[in-house]
Full PDB file with SEQRES, HELIX, SHEET, SSBOND, CRYST1, ORIGX, SCALE, CONECT and MASTER records, all heavy atoms in Angstrom:
SEQRES   1 A   43  ALA ARG ASN LEU ALA PRO LEU ARG ASP ARG GLY VAL LEU          
SEQRES   2 A   43  ILE LEU GLY SER GLY ASN ILE VAL HIS ASN LEU HIS THR          
SEQRES   3 A   43  TYR SER TRP GLY LYS HIS ASP ALA ASP PRO TYR ASP TRP          
SEQRES   4 A   43  ALA LEU ARG PHE                                              
HELIX    1 AA1 ARG A    2  ARG A   10  5                                   9    
HELIX    2 AA2 LEU A   24  THR A   26  5                                   3    
HELIX    3 AA3 ASP A   38  ARG A   42  1                                   5    
CRYST1    1.000    1.000    1.000  90.00  90.00  90.00 P 1           1          
ORIGX1      1.000000  0.000000  0.000000        0.00000                         
ORIGX2      0.000000  1.000000  0.000000        0.00000                         
ORIGX3      0.000000  0.000000  1.000000        0.00000                         
SCALE1      1.000000  0.000000  0.000000        0.00000                         
SCALE2      0.000000  1.000000  0.000000        0.00000                         
SCALE3      0.000000  0.000000  1.000000        0.00000                         
ATOM      1  N   ALA A   1      54.875 142.451 128.746  1.00  0.00           N  
ATOM      2  CA  ALA A   1      56.090 142.040 128.030  1.00  0.00           C  
ATOM      3  C   ALA A   1      57.033 143.205 127.784  1.00  0.00           C  
ATOM      4  O   ALA A   1      58.257 143.004 127.704  1.00  0.00           O  
ATOM      5  CB  ALA A   1      55.699 141.384 126.707  1.00  0.00           C  
ATOM      6  N   ARG A   2      56.515 144.404 127.673  1.00  0.00           N  
ATOM      7  CA  ARG A   2      57.378 145.568 127.429  1.00  0.00           C  
ATOM      8  C   ARG A   2      58.377 145.781 128.562  1.00  0.00           C  
ATOM      9  O   ARG A   2      59.457 146.334 128.356  1.00  0.00           O  
ATOM     10  CB  ARG A   2      56.524 146.817 127.216  1.00  0.00           C  
ATOM     11  CG  ARG A   2      55.654 146.757 125.964  1.00  0.00           C  
ATOM     12  CD  ARG A   2      54.836 148.009 125.774  1.00  0.00           C  
ATOM     13  NE  ARG A   2      55.674 149.163 125.455  1.00  0.00           N  
ATOM     14  CZ  ARG A   2      55.200 150.393 125.257  1.00  0.00           C  
ATOM     15  NH1 ARG A   2      53.902 150.618 125.346  1.00  0.00           N  
ATOM     16  NH2 ARG A   2      56.002 151.377 124.971  1.00  0.00           N  
ATOM     17  N   ASN A   3      58.046 145.298 129.746  1.00  0.00           N  
ATOM     18  CA  ASN A   3      58.952 145.434 130.888  1.00  0.00           C  
ATOM     19  C   ASN A   3      60.195 144.570 130.761  1.00  0.00           C  
ATOM     20  O   ASN A   3      61.166 144.768 131.512  1.00  0.00           O  
ATOM     21  CB  ASN A   3      58.214 145.081 132.183  1.00  0.00           C  
ATOM     22  CG  ASN A   3      57.099 146.053 132.504  1.00  0.00           C  
ATOM     23  OD1 ASN A   3      57.278 147.266 132.433  1.00  0.00           O  
ATOM     24  ND2 ASN A   3      55.941 145.535 132.844  1.00  0.00           N  
ATOM     25  N   LEU A   4      60.174 143.628 129.832  1.00  0.00           N  
ATOM     26  CA  LEU A   4      61.313 142.720 129.668  1.00  0.00           C  
ATOM     27  C   LEU A   4      62.401 143.306 128.772  1.00  0.00           C  
ATOM     28  O   LEU A   4      63.502 142.755 128.699  1.00  0.00           O  
ATOM     29  CB  LEU A   4      60.839 141.395 129.062  1.00  0.00           C  
ATOM     30  CG  LEU A   4      59.808 140.611 129.874  1.00  0.00           C  
ATOM     31  CD1 LEU A   4      59.284 139.434 129.046  1.00  0.00           C  
ATOM     32  CD2 LEU A   4      60.406 140.120 131.181  1.00  0.00           C  
ATOM     33  N   ALA A   5      62.127 144.409 128.106  1.00  0.00           N  
ATOM     34  CA  ALA A   5      63.048 144.957 127.113  1.00  0.00           C  
ATOM     35  C   ALA A   5      64.467 145.176 127.616  1.00  0.00           C  
ATOM     36  O   ALA A   5      65.430 144.962 126.861  1.00  0.00           O  
ATOM     37  CB  ALA A   5      62.471 146.255 126.535  1.00  0.00           C  
ATOM     38  N   PRO A   6      64.697 145.607 128.873  1.00  0.00           N  
ATOM     39  CA  PRO A   6      66.087 145.828 129.323  1.00  0.00           C  
ATOM     40  C   PRO A   6      66.964 144.581 129.239  1.00  0.00           C  
ATOM     41  O   PRO A   6      68.193 144.704 129.161  1.00  0.00           O  
ATOM     42  CB  PRO A   6      65.908 146.284 130.777  1.00  0.00           C  
ATOM     43  CG  PRO A   6      64.548 146.890 130.833  1.00  0.00           C  
ATOM     44  CD  PRO A   6      63.725 146.061 129.889  1.00  0.00           C  
ATOM     45  N   LEU A   7      66.368 143.410 129.236  1.00  0.00           N  
ATOM     46  CA  LEU A   7      67.162 142.180 129.169  1.00  0.00           C  
ATOM     47  C   LEU A   7      67.949 142.089 127.865  1.00  0.00           C  
ATOM     48  O   LEU A   7      69.050 141.530 127.834  1.00  0.00           O  
ATOM     49  CB  LEU A   7      66.258 140.955 129.310  1.00  0.00           C  
ATOM     50  CG  LEU A   7      65.495 140.814 130.627  1.00  0.00           C  
ATOM     51  CD1 LEU A   7      64.551 139.618 130.556  1.00  0.00           C  
ATOM     52  CD2 LEU A   7      66.460 140.673 131.798  1.00  0.00           C  
ATOM     53  N   ARG A   8      67.394 142.642 126.804  1.00  0.00           N  
ATOM     54  CA  ARG A   8      68.070 142.565 125.504  1.00  0.00           C  
ATOM     55  C   ARG A   8      69.410 143.291 125.530  1.00  0.00           C  
ATOM     56  O   ARG A   8      70.367 142.857 124.880  1.00  0.00           O  
ATOM     57  CB  ARG A   8      67.180 143.146 124.412  1.00  0.00           C  
ATOM     58  CG  ARG A   8      65.878 142.384 124.194  1.00  0.00           C  
ATOM     59  CD  ARG A   8      65.024 143.063 123.126  1.00  0.00           C  
ATOM     60  NE  ARG A   8      65.745 143.167 121.868  1.00  0.00           N  
ATOM     61  CZ  ARG A   8      65.407 143.998 120.884  1.00  0.00           C  
ATOM     62  NH1 ARG A   8      64.387 144.839 121.041  1.00  0.00           N  
ATOM     63  NH2 ARG A   8      66.097 144.025 119.765  1.00  0.00           N  
ATOM     64  N   ASP A   9      69.486 144.375 126.285  1.00  0.00           N  
ATOM     65  CA  ASP A   9      70.737 145.128 126.381  1.00  0.00           C  
ATOM     66  C   ASP A   9      71.788 144.385 127.196  1.00  0.00           C  
ATOM     67  O   ASP A   9      72.968 144.754 127.163  1.00  0.00           O  
ATOM     68  CB  ASP A   9      70.477 146.497 127.010  1.00  0.00           C  
ATOM     69  CG  ASP A   9      69.646 147.393 126.098  1.00  0.00           C  
ATOM     70  OD1 ASP A   9      69.821 147.312 124.865  1.00  0.00           O  
ATOM     71  OD2 ASP A   9      68.822 148.163 126.621  1.00  0.00           O  
ATOM     72  N   ARG A  10      71.371 143.366 127.902  1.00  0.00           N  
ATOM     73  CA  ARG A  10      72.291 142.547 128.689  1.00  0.00           C  
ATOM     74  C   ARG A  10      72.662 141.257 127.975  1.00  0.00           C  
ATOM     75  O   ARG A  10      73.243 140.352 128.571  1.00  0.00           O  
ATOM     76  CB  ARG A  10      71.678 142.227 130.049  1.00  0.00           C  
ATOM     77  CG  ARG A  10      71.515 143.444 130.953  1.00  0.00           C  
ATOM     78  CD  ARG A  10      71.069 143.036 132.347  1.00  0.00           C  
ATOM     79  NE  ARG A  10      71.843 141.906 132.832  1.00  0.00           N  
ATOM     80  CZ  ARG A  10      71.328 140.689 133.100  1.00  0.00           C  
ATOM     81  NH1 ARG A  10      70.037 140.461 132.901  1.00  0.00           N  
ATOM     82  NH2 ARG A  10      72.088 139.731 133.559  1.00  0.00           N  
ATOM     83  N   GLY A  11      72.290 141.157 126.702  1.00  0.00           N  
ATOM     84  CA  GLY A  11      72.669 139.969 125.941  1.00  0.00           C  
ATOM     85  C   GLY A  11      71.755 138.782 126.115  1.00  0.00           C  
ATOM     86  O   GLY A  11      72.115 137.661 125.770  1.00  0.00           O  
ATOM     87  N   VAL A  12      70.540 139.021 126.633  1.00  0.00           N  
ATOM     88  CA  VAL A  12      69.573 137.933 126.812  1.00  0.00           C  
ATOM     89  C   VAL A  12      68.703 137.827 125.556  1.00  0.00           C  
ATOM     90  O   VAL A  12      68.152 138.830 125.084  1.00  0.00           O  
ATOM     91  CB  VAL A  12      68.687 138.168 128.048  1.00  0.00           C  
ATOM     92  CG1 VAL A  12      67.608 137.088 128.163  1.00  0.00           C  
ATOM     93  CG2 VAL A  12      69.545 138.202 129.312  1.00  0.00           C  
ATOM     94  N   LEU A  13      68.594 136.624 125.035  1.00  0.00           N  
ATOM     95  CA  LEU A  13      67.706 136.368 123.898  1.00  0.00           C  
ATOM     96  C   LEU A  13      66.305 136.099 124.429  1.00  0.00           C  
ATOM     97  O   LEU A  13      66.094 135.141 125.187  1.00  0.00           O  
ATOM     98  CB  LEU A  13      68.191 135.166 123.094  1.00  0.00           C  
ATOM     99  CG  LEU A  13      67.256 134.689 121.972  1.00  0.00           C  
ATOM    100  CD1 LEU A  13      67.101 135.751 120.899  1.00  0.00           C  
ATOM    101  CD2 LEU A  13      67.750 133.376 121.370  1.00  0.00           C  
ATOM    102  N   ILE A  14      65.356 136.947 124.049  1.00  0.00           N  
ATOM    103  CA  ILE A  14      63.955 136.721 124.393  1.00  0.00           C  
ATOM    104  C   ILE A  14      63.333 135.976 123.219  1.00  0.00           C  
ATOM    105  O   ILE A  14      63.311 136.468 122.085  1.00  0.00           O  
ATOM    106  CB  ILE A  14      63.226 138.043 124.672  1.00  0.00           C  
ATOM    107  CG1 ILE A  14      63.928 138.803 125.804  1.00  0.00           C  
ATOM    108  CG2 ILE A  14      61.766 137.779 125.036  1.00  0.00           C  
ATOM    109  CD1 ILE A  14      63.328 140.167 126.094  1.00  0.00           C  
ATOM    110  N   LEU A  15      62.865 134.772 123.496  1.00  0.00           N  
ATOM    111  CA  LEU A  15      62.369 133.862 122.461  1.00  0.00           C  
ATOM    112  C   LEU A  15      60.914 133.525 122.733  1.00  0.00           C  
ATOM    113  O   LEU A  15      60.568 133.014 123.806  1.00  0.00           O  
ATOM    114  CB  LEU A  15      63.212 132.580 122.461  1.00  0.00           C  
ATOM    115  CG  LEU A  15      62.827 131.479 121.470  1.00  0.00           C  
ATOM    116  CD1 LEU A  15      63.117 131.916 120.042  1.00  0.00           C  
ATOM    117  CD2 LEU A  15      63.577 130.188 121.794  1.00  0.00           C  
ATOM    118  N   GLY A  16      60.038 133.815 121.790  1.00  0.00           N  
ATOM    119  CA  GLY A  16      58.648 133.397 121.868  1.00  0.00           C  
ATOM    120  C   GLY A  16      58.444 132.173 121.001  1.00  0.00           C  
ATOM    121  O   GLY A  16      58.962 132.103 119.890  1.00  0.00           O  
ATOM    122  N   SER A  17      57.709 131.209 121.502  1.00  0.00           N  
ATOM    123  CA  SER A  17      57.494 129.966 120.756  1.00  0.00           C  
ATOM    124  C   SER A  17      56.019 129.607 120.768  1.00  0.00           C  
ATOM    125  O   SER A  17      55.432 129.347 121.821  1.00  0.00           O  
ATOM    126  CB  SER A  17      58.323 128.823 121.377  1.00  0.00           C  
ATOM    127  OG  SER A  17      58.140 127.625 120.666  1.00  0.00           O  
ATOM    128  N   GLY A  18      55.430 129.627 119.586  1.00  0.00           N  
ATOM    129  CA  GLY A  18      54.014 129.291 119.442  1.00  0.00           C  
ATOM    130  C   GLY A  18      53.723 129.108 117.967  1.00  0.00           C  
ATOM    131  O   GLY A  18      54.500 128.490 117.248  1.00  0.00           O  
ATOM    132  N   ASN A  19      52.614 129.668 117.495  1.00  0.00           N  
ATOM    133  CA  ASN A  19      52.302 129.693 116.063  1.00  0.00           C  
ATOM    134  C   ASN A  19      51.284 130.794 115.828  1.00  0.00           C  
ATOM    135  O   ASN A  19      50.273 130.855 116.535  1.00  0.00           O  
ATOM    136  CB  ASN A  19      51.729 128.363 115.565  1.00  0.00           C  
ATOM    137  CG  ASN A  19      52.682 127.207 115.732  1.00  0.00           C  
ATOM    138  OD1 ASN A  19      52.608 126.477 116.725  1.00  0.00           O  
ATOM    139  ND2 ASN A  19      53.587 127.037 114.780  1.00  0.00           N  
ATOM    140  N   ILE A  20      51.532 131.656 114.850  1.00  0.00           N  
ATOM    141  CA  ILE A  20      50.592 132.737 114.555  1.00  0.00           C  
ATOM    142  C   ILE A  20      49.259 132.171 114.098  1.00  0.00           C  
ATOM    143  O   ILE A  20      48.192 132.679 114.454  1.00  0.00           O  
ATOM    144  CB  ILE A  20      51.195 133.697 113.509  1.00  0.00           C  
ATOM    145  CG1 ILE A  20      52.356 134.486 114.142  1.00  0.00           C  
ATOM    146  CG2 ILE A  20      50.140 134.655 112.968  1.00  0.00           C  
ATOM    147  CD1 ILE A  20      53.118 135.362 113.174  1.00  0.00           C  
ATOM    148  N   VAL A  21      49.296 131.121 113.303  1.00  0.00           N  
ATOM    149  CA  VAL A  21      48.092 130.374 112.927  1.00  0.00           C  
ATOM    150  C   VAL A  21      48.226 128.984 113.529  1.00  0.00           C  
ATOM    151  O   VAL A  21      49.214 128.286 113.277  1.00  0.00           O  
ATOM    152  CB  VAL A  21      47.929 130.274 111.396  1.00  0.00           C  
ATOM    153  CG1 VAL A  21      46.703 129.420 111.053  1.00  0.00           C  
ATOM    154  CG2 VAL A  21      47.818 131.658 110.765  1.00  0.00           C  
ATOM    155  N   HIS A  22      47.239 128.594 114.344  1.00  0.00           N  
ATOM    156  CA  HIS A  22      47.324 127.286 115.018  1.00  0.00           C  
ATOM    157  C   HIS A  22      45.911 126.766 115.237  1.00  0.00           C  
ATOM    158  O   HIS A  22      45.249 127.116 116.209  1.00  0.00           O  
ATOM    159  CB  HIS A  22      48.061 127.428 116.347  1.00  0.00           C  
ATOM    160  CG  HIS A  22      48.299 126.124 117.060  1.00  0.00           C  
ATOM    161  ND1 HIS A  22      47.421 125.600 117.976  1.00  0.00           N  
ATOM    162  CD2 HIS A  22      49.329 125.251 116.967  1.00  0.00           C  
ATOM    163  CE1 HIS A  22      47.894 124.459 118.440  1.00  0.00           C  
ATOM    164  NE2 HIS A  22      49.054 124.225 117.838  1.00  0.00           N  
ATOM    165  N   ASN A  23      45.449 125.935 114.305  1.00  0.00           N  
ATOM    166  CA  ASN A  23      44.113 125.358 114.405  1.00  0.00           C  
ATOM    167  C   ASN A  23      44.220 123.848 114.204  1.00  0.00           C  
ATOM    168  O   ASN A  23      44.315 123.370 113.068  1.00  0.00           O  
ATOM    169  CB  ASN A  23      43.169 125.981 113.373  1.00  0.00           C  
ATOM    170  CG  ASN A  23      41.727 125.573 113.591  1.00  0.00           C  
ATOM    171  OD1 ASN A  23      41.444 124.475 114.061  1.00  0.00           O  
ATOM    172  ND2 ASN A  23      40.800 126.459 113.256  1.00  0.00           N  
ATOM    173  N   LEU A  24      44.223 123.101 115.300  1.00  0.00           N  
ATOM    174  CA  LEU A  24      44.367 121.646 115.216  1.00  0.00           C  
ATOM    175  C   LEU A  24      43.089 120.967 114.745  1.00  0.00           C  
ATOM    176  O   LEU A  24      43.139 119.827 114.285  1.00  0.00           O  
ATOM    177  CB  LEU A  24      44.789 121.075 116.578  1.00  0.00           C  
ATOM    178  CG  LEU A  24      46.195 121.461 117.052  1.00  0.00           C  
ATOM    179  CD1 LEU A  24      46.491 120.801 118.393  1.00  0.00           C  
ATOM    180  CD2 LEU A  24      47.256 121.071 116.025  1.00  0.00           C  
ATOM    181  N   HIS A  25      41.948 121.646 114.844  1.00  0.00           N  
ATOM    182  CA  HIS A  25      40.696 121.056 114.379  1.00  0.00           C  
ATOM    183  C   HIS A  25      40.677 120.907 112.862  1.00  0.00           C  
ATOM    184  O   HIS A  25      39.974 120.038 112.323  1.00  0.00           O  
ATOM    185  CB  HIS A  25      39.510 121.897 114.839  1.00  0.00           C  
ATOM    186  CG  HIS A  25      39.314 121.910 116.321  1.00  0.00           C  
ATOM    187  ND1 HIS A  25      38.934 120.796 117.042  1.00  0.00           N  
ATOM    188  CD2 HIS A  25      39.482 122.905 117.231  1.00  0.00           C  
ATOM    189  CE1 HIS A  25      38.846 121.104 118.322  1.00  0.00           C  
ATOM    190  NE2 HIS A  25      39.188 122.376 118.464  1.00  0.00           N  
ATOM    191  N   THR A  26      41.423 121.741 112.169  1.00  0.00           N  
ATOM    192  CA  THR A  26      41.465 121.683 110.702  1.00  0.00           C  
ATOM    193  C   THR A  26      42.803 121.130 110.197  1.00  0.00           C  
ATOM    194  O   THR A  26      43.085 121.188 109.011  1.00  0.00           O  
ATOM    195  CB  THR A  26      41.241 123.080 110.107  1.00  0.00           C  
ATOM    196  OG1 THR A  26      42.219 123.990 110.639  1.00  0.00           O  
ATOM    197  CG2 THR A  26      39.847 123.594 110.454  1.00  0.00           C  
ATOM    198  N   TYR A  27      43.603 120.608 111.112  1.00  0.00           N  
ATOM    199  CA  TYR A  27      44.949 120.121 110.790  1.00  0.00           C  
ATOM    200  C   TYR A  27      44.872 118.859 109.941  1.00  0.00           C  
ATOM    201  O   TYR A  27      44.146 117.919 110.261  1.00  0.00           O  
ATOM    202  CB  TYR A  27      45.676 119.836 112.097  1.00  0.00           C  
ATOM    203  CG  TYR A  27      47.163 119.601 112.021  1.00  0.00           C  
ATOM    204  CD1 TYR A  27      48.013 120.562 111.505  1.00  0.00           C  
ATOM    205  CD2 TYR A  27      47.724 118.434 112.526  1.00  0.00           C  
ATOM    206  CE1 TYR A  27      49.389 120.365 111.478  1.00  0.00           C  
ATOM    207  CE2 TYR A  27      49.094 118.223 112.511  1.00  0.00           C  
ATOM    208  CZ  TYR A  27      49.924 119.187 111.991  1.00  0.00           C  
ATOM    209  OH  TYR A  27      51.273 118.986 111.978  1.00  0.00           O  
ATOM    210  N   SER A  28      45.612 118.832 108.843  1.00  0.00           N  
ATOM    211  CA  SER A  28      45.641 117.658 107.951  1.00  0.00           C  
ATOM    212  C   SER A  28      46.730 116.705 108.439  1.00  0.00           C  
ATOM    213  O   SER A  28      47.841 116.693 107.928  1.00  0.00           O  
ATOM    214  CB  SER A  28      45.913 118.102 106.512  1.00  0.00           C  
ATOM    215  OG  SER A  28      44.930 118.991 106.059  1.00  0.00           O  
ATOM    216  N   TRP A  29      46.417 115.946 109.465  1.00  0.00           N  
ATOM    217  CA  TRP A  29      47.416 115.134 110.159  1.00  0.00           C  
ATOM    218  C   TRP A  29      48.205 114.261 109.198  1.00  0.00           C  
ATOM    219  O   TRP A  29      47.639 113.473 108.447  1.00  0.00           O  
ATOM    220  CB  TRP A  29      46.753 114.266 111.212  1.00  0.00           C  
ATOM    221  CG  TRP A  29      46.169 115.063 112.337  1.00  0.00           C  
ATOM    222  CD1 TRP A  29      44.874 115.501 112.443  1.00  0.00           C  
ATOM    223  CD2 TRP A  29      46.849 115.559 113.482  1.00  0.00           C  
ATOM    224  NE1 TRP A  29      44.711 116.238 113.591  1.00  0.00           N  
ATOM    225  CE2 TRP A  29      45.908 116.283 114.255  1.00  0.00           C  
ATOM    226  CE3 TRP A  29      48.173 115.453 113.928  1.00  0.00           C  
ATOM    227  CZ2 TRP A  29      46.245 116.898 115.453  1.00  0.00           C  
ATOM    228  CZ3 TRP A  29      48.499 116.071 115.141  1.00  0.00           C  
ATOM    229  CH2 TRP A  29      47.551 116.774 115.879  1.00  0.00           C  
ATOM    230  N   GLY A  30      49.516 114.429 109.220  1.00  0.00           N  
ATOM    231  CA  GLY A  30      50.406 113.594 108.421  1.00  0.00           C  
ATOM    232  C   GLY A  30      50.581 114.034 106.987  1.00  0.00           C  
ATOM    233  O   GLY A  30      51.422 113.513 106.267  1.00  0.00           O  
ATOM    234  N   LYS A  31      49.813 115.034 106.536  1.00  0.00           N  
ATOM    235  CA  LYS A  31      49.918 115.499 105.153  1.00  0.00           C  
ATOM    236  C   LYS A  31      50.686 116.817 105.134  1.00  0.00           C  
ATOM    237  O   LYS A  31      50.127 117.904 104.986  1.00  0.00           O  
ATOM    238  CB  LYS A  31      48.526 115.682 104.539  1.00  0.00           C  
ATOM    239  CG  LYS A  31      47.711 114.397 104.493  1.00  0.00           C  
ATOM    240  CD  LYS A  31      46.328 114.642 103.904  1.00  0.00           C  
ATOM    241  CE  LYS A  31      45.501 113.358 103.885  1.00  0.00           C  
ATOM    242  NZ  LYS A  31      44.134 113.603 103.350  1.00  0.00           N  
ATOM    243  N   HIS A  32      52.013 116.709 105.309  1.00  0.00           N  
ATOM    244  CA  HIS A  32      52.823 117.905 105.503  1.00  0.00           C  
ATOM    245  C   HIS A  32      52.870 118.809 104.272  1.00  0.00           C  
ATOM    246  O   HIS A  32      53.283 119.961 104.362  1.00  0.00           O  
ATOM    247  CB  HIS A  32      54.247 117.503 105.906  1.00  0.00           C  
ATOM    248  CG  HIS A  32      54.274 116.721 107.193  1.00  0.00           C  
ATOM    249  ND1 HIS A  32      53.936 117.292 108.396  1.00  0.00           N  
ATOM    250  CD2 HIS A  32      54.588 115.428 107.455  1.00  0.00           C  
ATOM    251  CE1 HIS A  32      54.061 116.382 109.350  1.00  0.00           C  
ATOM    252  NE2 HIS A  32      54.436 115.251 108.814  1.00  0.00           N  
ATOM    253  N   ASP A  33      52.474 118.275 103.123  1.00  0.00           N  
ATOM    254  CA  ASP A  33      52.469 119.096 101.915  1.00  0.00           C  
ATOM    255  C   ASP A  33      51.074 119.631 101.595  1.00  0.00           C  
ATOM    256  O   ASP A  33      50.834 120.142 100.502  1.00  0.00           O  
ATOM    257  CB  ASP A  33      53.004 118.289 100.725  1.00  0.00           C  
ATOM    258  CG  ASP A  33      52.209 117.016 100.457  1.00  0.00           C  
ATOM    259  OD1 ASP A  33      51.374 116.636 101.314  1.00  0.00           O  
ATOM    260  OD2 ASP A  33      52.439 116.391  99.401  1.00  0.00           O  
ATOM    261  N   ALA A  34      50.143 119.511 102.544  1.00  0.00           N  
ATOM    262  CA  ALA A  34      48.790 120.015 102.317  1.00  0.00           C  
ATOM    263  C   ALA A  34      48.827 121.523 102.120  1.00  0.00           C  
ATOM    264  O   ALA A  34      49.545 122.243 102.820  1.00  0.00           O  
ATOM    265  CB  ALA A  34      47.882 119.663 103.494  1.00  0.00           C  
ATOM    266  N   ASP A  35      48.052 122.009 101.173  1.00  0.00           N  
ATOM    267  CA  ASP A  35      48.004 123.446 100.923  1.00  0.00           C  
ATOM    268  C   ASP A  35      47.379 124.170 102.117  1.00  0.00           C  
ATOM    269  O   ASP A  35      46.409 123.678 102.712  1.00  0.00           O  
ATOM    270  CB  ASP A  35      47.168 123.746  99.677  1.00  0.00           C  
ATOM    271  CG  ASP A  35      47.843 123.276  98.400  1.00  0.00           C  
ATOM    272  OD1 ASP A  35      49.080 123.163  98.404  1.00  0.00           O  
ATOM    273  OD2 ASP A  35      47.123 123.016  97.419  1.00  0.00           O  
ATOM    274  N   PRO A  36      47.915 125.325 102.478  1.00  0.00           N  
ATOM    275  CA  PRO A  36      47.314 126.082 103.584  1.00  0.00           C  
ATOM    276  C   PRO A  36      45.918 126.559 103.215  1.00  0.00           C  
ATOM    277  O   PRO A  36      45.627 126.853 102.055  1.00  0.00           O  
ATOM    278  CB  PRO A  36      48.283 127.244 103.781  1.00  0.00           C  
ATOM    279  CG  PRO A  36      49.048 127.352 102.504  1.00  0.00           C  
ATOM    280  CD  PRO A  36      49.123 125.970 101.947  1.00  0.00           C  
ATOM    281  N   TYR A  37      45.070 126.642 104.208  1.00  0.00           N  
ATOM    282  CA  TYR A  37      43.714 127.127 104.001  1.00  0.00           C  
ATOM    283  C   TYR A  37      43.737 128.604 103.604  1.00  0.00           C  
ATOM    284  O   TYR A  37      44.617 129.354 104.023  1.00  0.00           O  
ATOM    285  CB  TYR A  37      42.884 126.953 105.270  1.00  0.00           C  
ATOM    286  CG  TYR A  37      42.580 125.512 105.616  1.00  0.00           C  
ATOM    287  CD1 TYR A  37      43.406 124.807 106.491  1.00  0.00           C  
ATOM    288  CD2 TYR A  37      41.473 124.867 105.087  1.00  0.00           C  
ATOM    289  CE1 TYR A  37      43.134 123.485 106.824  1.00  0.00           C  
ATOM    290  CE2 TYR A  37      41.190 123.547 105.388  1.00  0.00           C  
ATOM    291  CZ  TYR A  37      42.027 122.865 106.260  1.00  0.00           C  
ATOM    292  OH  TYR A  37      41.757 121.556 106.571  1.00  0.00           O  
ATOM    293  N   ASP A  38      42.755 128.995 102.812  1.00  0.00           N  
ATOM    294  CA  ASP A  38      42.686 130.386 102.372  1.00  0.00           C  
ATOM    295  C   ASP A  38      42.595 131.334 103.557  1.00  0.00           C  
ATOM    296  O   ASP A  38      43.226 132.404 103.559  1.00  0.00           O  
ATOM    297  CB  ASP A  38      41.478 130.596 101.446  1.00  0.00           C  
ATOM    298  CG  ASP A  38      41.657 129.921 100.092  1.00  0.00           C  
ATOM    299  OD1 ASP A  38      42.801 129.548  99.764  1.00  0.00           O  
ATOM    300  OD2 ASP A  38      40.656 129.774  99.374  1.00  0.00           O  
ATOM    301  N   TRP A  39      41.798 130.964 104.569  1.00  0.00           N  
ATOM    302  CA  TRP A  39      41.646 131.848 105.723  1.00  0.00           C  
ATOM    303  C   TRP A  39      42.962 131.989 106.496  1.00  0.00           C  
ATOM    304  O   TRP A  39      43.241 133.053 107.058  1.00  0.00           O  
ATOM    305  CB  TRP A  39      40.531 131.364 106.648  1.00  0.00           C  
ATOM    306  CG  TRP A  39      40.549 129.908 107.008  1.00  0.00           C  
ATOM    307  CD1 TRP A  39      39.832 128.902 106.422  1.00  0.00           C  
ATOM    308  CD2 TRP A  39      41.332 129.282 108.046  1.00  0.00           C  
ATOM    309  NE1 TRP A  39      40.103 127.688 107.022  1.00  0.00           N  
ATOM    310  CE2 TRP A  39      41.018 127.899 108.025  1.00  0.00           C  
ATOM    311  CE3 TRP A  39      42.244 129.748 108.982  1.00  0.00           C  
ATOM    312  CZ2 TRP A  39      41.601 126.990 108.907  1.00  0.00           C  
ATOM    313  CZ3 TRP A  39      42.840 128.850 109.869  1.00  0.00           C  
ATOM    314  CH2 TRP A  39      42.517 127.493 109.831  1.00  0.00           C  
ATOM    315  N   ALA A  40      43.766 130.920 106.512  1.00  0.00           N  
ATOM    316  CA  ALA A  40      45.062 130.985 107.199  1.00  0.00           C  
ATOM    317  C   ALA A  40      46.011 131.921 106.460  1.00  0.00           C  
ATOM    318  O   ALA A  40      46.724 132.732 107.078  1.00  0.00           O  
ATOM    319  CB  ALA A  40      45.666 129.590 107.312  1.00  0.00           C  
ATOM    320  N   LEU A  41      46.019 131.838 105.145  1.00  0.00           N  
ATOM    321  CA  LEU A  41      46.863 132.718 104.345  1.00  0.00           C  
ATOM    322  C   LEU A  41      46.439 134.170 104.493  1.00  0.00           C  
ATOM    323  O   LEU A  41      47.282 135.068 104.611  1.00  0.00           O  
ATOM    324  CB  LEU A  41      46.796 132.297 102.875  1.00  0.00           C  
ATOM    325  CG  LEU A  41      47.481 130.976 102.509  1.00  0.00           C  
ATOM    326  CD1 LEU A  41      47.143 130.596 101.076  1.00  0.00           C  
ATOM    327  CD2 LEU A  41      48.988 131.089 102.687  1.00  0.00           C  
ATOM    328  N   ARG A  42      45.129 134.395 104.491  1.00  0.00           N  
ATOM    329  CA  ARG A  42      44.639 135.773 104.610  1.00  0.00           C  
ATOM    330  C   ARG A  42      45.000 136.357 105.970  1.00  0.00           C  
ATOM    331  O   ARG A  42      45.415 137.519 106.072  1.00  0.00           O  
ATOM    332  CB  ARG A  42      43.122 135.830 104.389  1.00  0.00           C  
ATOM    333  CG  ARG A  42      42.692 135.629 102.947  1.00  0.00           C  
ATOM    334  CD  ARG A  42      41.234 136.030 102.760  1.00  0.00           C  
ATOM    335  NE  ARG A  42      40.328 135.227 103.577  1.00  0.00           N  
ATOM    336  CZ  ARG A  42      39.710 134.130 103.149  1.00  0.00           C  
ATOM    337  NH1 ARG A  42      39.882 133.707 101.907  1.00  0.00           N  
ATOM    338  NH2 ARG A  42      38.894 133.463 103.952  1.00  0.00           N  
ATOM    339  N   PHE A  43      44.862 135.569 107.042  1.00  0.00           N  
ATOM    340  CA  PHE A  43      45.171 136.096 108.364  1.00  0.00           C  
ATOM    341  C   PHE A  43      46.662 136.389 108.498  1.00  0.00           C  
ATOM    342  O   PHE A  43      47.043 137.441 109.021  1.00  0.00           O  
ATOM    343  CB  PHE A  43      44.735 135.123 109.458  1.00  0.00           C  
ATOM    344  CG  PHE A  43      45.051 135.633 110.840  1.00  0.00           C  
ATOM    345  CD1 PHE A  43      44.375 136.723 111.352  1.00  0.00           C  
ATOM    346  CD2 PHE A  43      46.038 135.035 111.615  1.00  0.00           C  
ATOM    347  CE1 PHE A  43      44.671 137.218 112.623  1.00  0.00           C  
ATOM    348  CE2 PHE A  43      46.342 135.516 112.882  1.00  0.00           C  
ATOM    349  CZ  PHE A  43      45.654 136.613 113.386  1.00  0.00           C  
TER     350      PHE A  43                                                      
MASTER        0    0    0    3    0    0    0    6  349    1    0    4          
END                                                                             
């Protein structure tokens, strides 16, 4: 990824899309106000 850095000087937006914490096995489906897990907060 470091090789992509020159693109920024040319006005290119480098956008990463994912999630730093992403565990669907523990996902509280549909409960958008569920409190985050302690391990997720710590990480």
